[in-house]
Amino acid sequence: MTVVLQRRALVDGRVDPKAAVAVHGADISARDNVALAQSGELIGGLFENLYQAGLIDAREYLRVVYRFVGEEADLDALLARAGLLEAPGKERDNE
């Protein structure tokens, strides 16, 4: 793409031959997207049970779910916004 930009700049003064060029294609197919959604739904349900039982904390729950749906997330920011730092069952350990 850079070569195309440079050649066009030779005949068109409006084109900057040093302009940055970024090309982004689709990262997954529609079928892959459906498979990711299904796996996210399944793993989300499984790990929700672990979270609700106090076996994992909110951070681990989010980490696994976001990983299975192929997304990246700032877990600390998500937890801070939600006000969740511990799994629901954790407070029972202190009694």
Protein backbone atom coordinates (compact mmCIF):
# COMPACT_ATOMS: atom_id res chain seq x y z
CA MET A 1 0.00 0.00 0.00
CA THR A 2 2.88 2.36 0.68
CA VAL A 3 4.14 1.96 -2.90
CA VAL A 4 0.67 2.74 -4.27
CA LEU A 5 0.50 5.85 -2.10
CA GLN A 6 3.95 7.01 -3.26
CA ARG A 7 3.11 6.47 -6.93
CA ARG A 8 -0.18 8.34 -6.63
CA ALA A 9 1.66 11.23 -4.96
CA LEU A 10 3.79 11.59 -8.11
CA VAL A 11 0.72 12.61 -10.12
CA ASP A 12 -1.51 14.03 -7.40
CA GLY A 13 -0.12 16.81 -5.21
CA ARG A 14 -2.91 16.34 -2.66
CA VAL A 15 -1.53 12.94 -1.64
CA ASP A 16 1.10 12.79 1.10
CA PRO A 17 3.62 10.09 0.09
CA LYS A 18 4.72 9.73 3.71
CA ALA A 19 1.24 9.22 5.13
CA ALA A 20 0.82 6.23 7.43
CA VAL A 21 -1.24 3.40 5.99
CA ALA A 22 -3.03 0.82 8.15
CA VAL A 23 -5.06 -2.06 6.74
CA HIS A 24 -7.28 -4.15 9.00
CA GLY A 25 -9.06 -7.27 7.84
CA ALA A 26 -11.72 -9.31 9.56
CA ASP A 27 -10.14 -11.28 12.37
CA ILE A 28 -12.60 -14.19 12.28
CA SER A 29 -15.34 -15.57 10.06
CA ALA A 30 -19.05 -15.46 10.88
CA ARG A 31 -18.94 -19.18 11.71
CA ASP A 32 -16.01 -18.64 14.07
CA ASN A 33 -17.89 -15.79 15.70
CA VAL A 34 -20.87 -18.06 16.40
CA ALA A 35 -18.58 -20.75 17.83
CA LEU A 36 -16.90 -18.18 20.11
CA ALA A 37 -20.27 -16.92 21.31
CA GLN A 38 -21.42 -20.46 22.09
CA SER A 39 -18.22 -21.35 23.94
CA GLY A 40 -18.42 -18.07 25.89
CA GLU A 41 -21.98 -18.84 26.92
CA LEU A 42 -21.07 -22.36 28.07
CA ILE A 43 -17.89 -21.41 29.93
CA GLY A 44 -19.60 -18.35 31.39
CA GLY A 45 -22.27 -20.51 32.97
CA LEU A 46 -19.76 -23.00 34.34
CA PHE A 47 -17.52 -20.35 35.83
CA GLU A 48 -20.47 -18.38 37.17
CA ASN A 49 -21.28 -21.38 39.34
CA LEU A 50 -17.69 -21.45 40.63
CA TYR A 51 -17.85 -17.71 41.31
CA GLN A 52 -21.19 -17.92 43.11
CA ALA A 53 -19.87 -20.78 45.26
CA GLY A 54 -16.90 -18.63 46.26
CA LEU A 55 -14.39 -20.98 44.63
CA ILE A 56 -12.94 -18.31 42.33
CA ASP A 57 -12.84 -14.54 42.59
CA ALA A 58 -14.38 -12.02 40.22
CA ARG A 59 -11.07 -11.39 38.47
CA GLU A 60 -10.62 -15.05 37.51
CA TYR A 61 -14.24 -15.31 36.40
CA LEU A 62 -13.87 -12.30 34.08
CA ARG A 63 -10.45 -13.42 32.82
CA VAL A 64 -11.75 -16.80 31.70
CA VAL A 65 -14.96 -15.49 30.13
CA TYR A 66 -13.20 -12.74 28.18
CA ARG A 67 -10.55 -15.18 27.02
CA PHE A 68 -13.12 -17.67 25.73
CA VAL A 69 -14.95 -15.03 23.73
CA GLY A 70 -11.67 -13.86 22.22
CA GLU A 71 -11.68 -10.40 23.75
CA GLU A 72 -9.16 -8.45 25.79
CA ALA A 73 -10.25 -6.43 28.76
CA ASP A 74 -8.79 -4.30 31.52
CA LEU A 75 -9.91 -6.52 34.38
CA ASP A 76 -8.91 -4.04 37.08
CA ALA A 77 -11.03 -1.33 35.47
CA LEU A 78 -14.00 -3.65 35.08
CA LEU A 79 -13.77 -4.78 38.70
CA ALA A 80 -13.38 -1.23 39.97
CA ARG A 81 -16.45 -0.07 38.04
CA ALA A 82 -18.48 -3.01 39.33
CA GLY A 83 -17.19 -2.64 42.88
CA LEU A 84 -16.34 -6.35 43.01
CA LEU A 85 -13.05 -7.52 44.40
CA GLU A 86 -13.98 -10.83 46.00
CA ALA A 87 -16.23 -13.75 45.13
CA PRO A 88 -19.55 -13.75 47.02
CA GLY A 89 -18.58 -16.73 49.20
CA LYS A 90 -15.28 -15.20 50.37
CA GLU A 91 -16.81 -13.16 53.19
CA ARG A 92 -17.94 -16.43 54.83
CA ASP A 93 -14.28 -17.35 55.38
CA ASN A 94 -13.89 -14.47 57.83
CA GLU A 95 -16.71 -15.58 60.16
